[in-house]
Amino acid sequence: LAERRRPDVILMDIRMPVLDGVEATRRLVASGSPARILVLTTFDLDEYVHAAIRAGASGFLLKDVTPAKLLEAIRIVAGGDALLAPSVTRRLLERFASTLPPDEDAGDALAELTSRETEVLRLLASGMSNAEIASELVVSEATVKTHISSVLRKLGLRDRVQAVIVAYESGLVKLGSG
C-alpha cells in the first residue's frame, strides 16, 4: 500500500494482526520508502519506544493525544524532525540527566535569565511544545520562540536539548517532576 500511495507520513500502531508495527516499520525503512513513520499506540512502554526508534520510526505518540496535537505531530514528522510523547521525553531526559556529573555552575548561569525566560525554560524542560508553552503563559508562539532564543543566547547553548539539560543540572527541574 505504501509503495502504491507513496505517503509522506505513515501512522503505525505497535500491535496489529498479522504483522506488528515494529516489524512493519523495519520493512518499510529497509524497502527504501521515503515515508516518515509516526507510531501511535496505547502502550507507554520504553521497550516499544526503543524498538520503534531502532526500526526507523520518526516519532512515538500515545493514542490519548488530542486531534490538534496529532496533526501538529504529523506536520513535525513530515518536516523531517523527530517527536516523542512528552512522557517518553521526560523519562529519556531523566535517565540522561541522572548520568551527568553535577554542575555547580549551571545554577549560576540561570541568574542571567529574566523570570519569564526562566519560566519558559522550566516549561520547555517539562516536555511542553512551543504551542503548549504559549497556551500556558497566554502569549503568542512567536513570543515563546523569542524567549527560547534569548535563553539559548544568554546561556551560550546551541539547541533546546542543551537548554533542558541545563534546567535539570541547575535544579530548576527535578527528576520526576513535570
Protein backbone atom coordinates (compact mmCIF):
# COMPACT_ATOMS: atom_id res chain seq x y z
CA LEU A 1 0.00 0.00 0.00
CA ALA A 2 2.81 2.43 0.91
CA GLU A 3 4.52 1.67 -2.41
CA ARG A 4 1.38 2.48 -4.40
CA ARG A 5 0.20 5.51 -2.42
CA ARG A 6 3.64 6.94 -1.54
CA PRO A 7 2.55 8.81 1.63
CA ASP A 8 4.74 11.40 3.33
CA VAL A 9 3.84 10.07 6.79
CA ILE A 10 2.52 6.70 7.93
CA LEU A 11 0.67 6.34 11.24
CA MET A 12 1.67 2.96 12.66
CA ASP A 13 0.31 1.05 15.64
CA ILE A 14 2.58 -1.29 17.61
CA ARG A 15 0.19 -4.20 17.98
CA MET A 16 -1.51 -5.21 14.77
CA PRO A 17 -2.78 -8.54 13.48
CA VAL A 18 -0.55 -10.41 11.01
CA LEU A 19 2.49 -8.10 11.33
CA ASP A 20 3.41 -5.97 14.35
CA GLY A 21 4.15 -2.28 13.86
CA VAL A 22 7.84 -2.52 14.72
CA GLU A 23 8.45 -5.17 12.06
CA ALA A 24 6.28 -3.27 9.56
CA THR A 25 8.34 -0.14 10.26
CA ARG A 26 11.58 -2.08 9.84
CA ARG A 27 10.39 -3.46 6.48
CA LEU A 28 9.23 -0.06 5.21
CA VAL A 29 12.56 1.54 6.08
CA ALA A 30 14.50 -1.37 4.54
CA SER A 31 12.46 -1.08 1.34
CA GLY A 32 13.74 2.46 0.88
CA SER A 33 10.34 4.06 1.40
CA PRO A 34 10.76 7.82 1.89
CA ALA A 35 7.70 7.87 4.17
CA ARG A 36 8.30 9.02 7.74
CA ILE A 37 6.72 6.74 10.32
CA LEU A 38 4.87 8.04 13.36
CA VAL A 39 3.99 5.33 15.86
CA LEU A 40 0.64 5.90 17.55
CA THR A 41 -0.14 3.43 20.32
CA THR A 42 -1.80 2.94 23.69
CA PHE A 43 1.34 1.33 25.13
CA ASP A 44 3.58 3.79 27.00
CA LEU A 45 6.38 1.26 27.43
CA ASP A 46 10.06 2.03 26.96
CA GLU A 47 10.67 -1.29 25.22
CA TYR A 48 8.20 -0.31 22.49
CA VAL A 49 9.71 3.16 22.16
CA HIS A 50 13.22 1.73 21.80
CA ALA A 51 12.12 -0.94 19.33
CA ALA A 52 10.18 1.56 17.20
CA ILE A 53 13.04 4.08 17.09
CA ARG A 54 15.58 1.34 16.29
CA ALA A 55 13.30 0.15 13.48
CA GLY A 56 13.38 3.65 11.99
CA ALA A 57 10.28 5.40 13.31
CA SER A 58 10.48 9.20 13.33
CA GLY A 59 8.04 9.64 16.17
CA PHE A 60 6.20 7.91 19.00
CA LEU A 61 2.91 9.18 20.43
CA LEU A 62 0.20 7.78 22.64
CA LYS A 63 -3.37 7.42 21.40
CA ASP A 64 -4.67 9.79 24.07
CA VAL A 65 -3.16 12.68 22.10
CA THR A 66 -5.66 15.35 21.06
CA PRO A 67 -6.53 15.64 17.36
CA ALA A 68 -4.80 19.04 17.21
CA LYS A 69 -1.60 17.66 18.73
CA LEU A 70 -1.71 14.66 16.39
CA LEU A 71 -1.98 16.98 13.40
CA GLU A 72 0.93 19.04 14.76
CA ALA A 73 2.96 15.84 15.23
CA ILE A 74 2.27 14.72 11.66
CA ARG A 75 3.49 18.10 10.39
CA ILE A 76 6.62 17.91 12.55
CA VAL A 77 7.48 14.41 11.34
CA ALA A 78 6.65 15.30 7.72
CA GLY A 79 9.03 18.25 8.05
CA GLY A 80 11.91 15.92 8.87
CA ASP A 81 12.02 16.33 12.63
CA ALA A 82 11.57 13.65 15.28
CA LEU A 83 8.97 13.64 18.02
CA LEU A 84 8.30 11.70 21.21
CA ALA A 85 5.32 11.75 23.55
CA PRO A 86 6.01 14.14 26.48
CA SER A 87 6.01 11.24 28.97
CA VAL A 88 8.63 9.42 26.89
CA THR A 89 10.73 12.58 26.53
CA ARG A 90 10.59 13.18 30.27
CA ARG A 91 11.76 9.63 31.08
CA LEU A 92 14.52 9.84 28.49
CA LEU A 93 15.77 13.16 29.84
CA GLU A 94 15.60 11.95 33.44
CA ARG A 95 17.76 8.96 32.58
CA PHE A 96 20.17 11.11 30.61
CA ALA A 97 20.39 13.79 33.30
CA SER A 98 20.97 11.18 36.00
CA THR A 99 24.13 10.05 34.22
CA LEU A 100 25.63 13.54 34.08
CA PRO A 101 28.09 14.72 36.73
CA PRO A 102 26.76 17.55 38.93
CA ASP A 103 27.37 21.02 37.53
CA GLU A 104 27.62 23.69 40.22
CA ASP A 105 27.88 26.47 37.62
CA ALA A 106 24.56 25.58 35.97
CA GLY A 107 22.52 27.30 38.69
CA ASP A 108 24.62 30.46 38.44
CA ALA A 109 24.02 30.62 34.69
CA LEU A 110 20.27 30.92 35.24
CA ALA A 111 20.80 34.19 37.13
CA GLU A 112 21.22 35.84 33.70
CA LEU A 113 17.64 34.97 32.75
CA THR A 114 14.53 37.07 33.34
CA SER A 115 11.74 35.50 35.36
CA ARG A 116 9.74 34.92 32.16
CA GLU A 117 12.71 33.25 30.44
CA THR A 118 13.18 31.04 33.49
CA GLU A 119 9.50 30.05 33.38
CA VAL A 120 9.73 29.26 29.66
CA LEU A 121 12.82 27.13 30.31
CA ARG A 122 11.02 25.26 33.11
CA LEU A 123 8.03 24.51 30.88
CA LEU A 124 10.31 23.52 27.98
CA ALA A 125 12.18 21.12 30.26
CA SER A 126 8.89 19.58 31.39
CA GLY A 127 8.33 18.42 27.81
CA MET A 128 5.98 21.12 26.51
CA SER A 129 5.97 22.25 22.88
CA ASN A 130 6.14 25.94 21.92
CA ALA A 131 2.37 25.93 21.35
CA GLU A 132 1.72 24.40 24.78
CA ILE A 133 4.02 26.91 26.48
CA ALA A 134 2.28 29.77 24.65
CA SER A 135 -1.10 28.49 25.81
CA GLU A 136 0.09 28.04 29.41
CA LEU A 137 1.59 31.55 29.58
CA VAL A 138 -1.14 33.19 27.48
CA VAL A 139 1.33 34.60 24.95
CA SER A 140 1.91 34.01 21.25
CA GLU A 141 4.03 31.16 19.95
CA ALA A 142 6.33 33.79 18.41
CA THR A 143 6.89 35.26 21.88
CA VAL A 144 7.79 31.81 23.22
CA LYS A 145 10.28 31.35 20.37
CA THR A 146 11.81 34.74 21.21
CA HIS A 147 12.18 33.75 24.88
CA ILE A 148 13.77 30.42 23.93
CA SER A 149 16.21 32.17 21.58
CA SER A 150 17.11 34.56 24.38
CA VAL A 151 17.65 31.67 26.83
CA LEU A 152 19.91 29.90 24.33
CA ARG A 153 21.89 33.08 23.64
CA LYS A 154 22.30 34.06 27.31
CA LEU A 155 23.35 30.56 28.35
CA GLY A 156 25.58 30.00 25.30
CA LEU A 157 23.63 26.94 24.16
CA ARG A 158 23.07 25.50 20.68
CA ASP A 159 19.63 23.97 21.00
CA ARG A 160 16.61 23.08 23.12
CA VAL A 161 18.11 19.78 24.25
CA GLN A 162 21.05 21.59 25.83
CA ALA A 163 18.63 24.01 27.48
CA VAL A 164 16.69 21.12 29.01
CA ILE A 165 19.90 19.58 30.31
CA VAL A 166 20.87 22.89 31.96
CA ALA A 167 17.39 23.09 33.52
CA TYR A 168 17.93 19.68 35.12
CA GLU A 169 21.55 20.31 36.10
CA SER A 170 20.67 23.61 37.76
CA GLY A 171 17.84 22.11 39.75
CA LEU A 172 15.23 24.27 38.01
CA VAL A 173 13.52 21.00 37.10
CA LYS A 174 13.86 17.97 39.37
CA LEU A 175 13.88 14.35 38.29
CA GLY A 176 10.35 13.01 38.34
CA SER A 177 8.74 16.47 38.26
CA GLY A 178 6.69 17.94 35.45
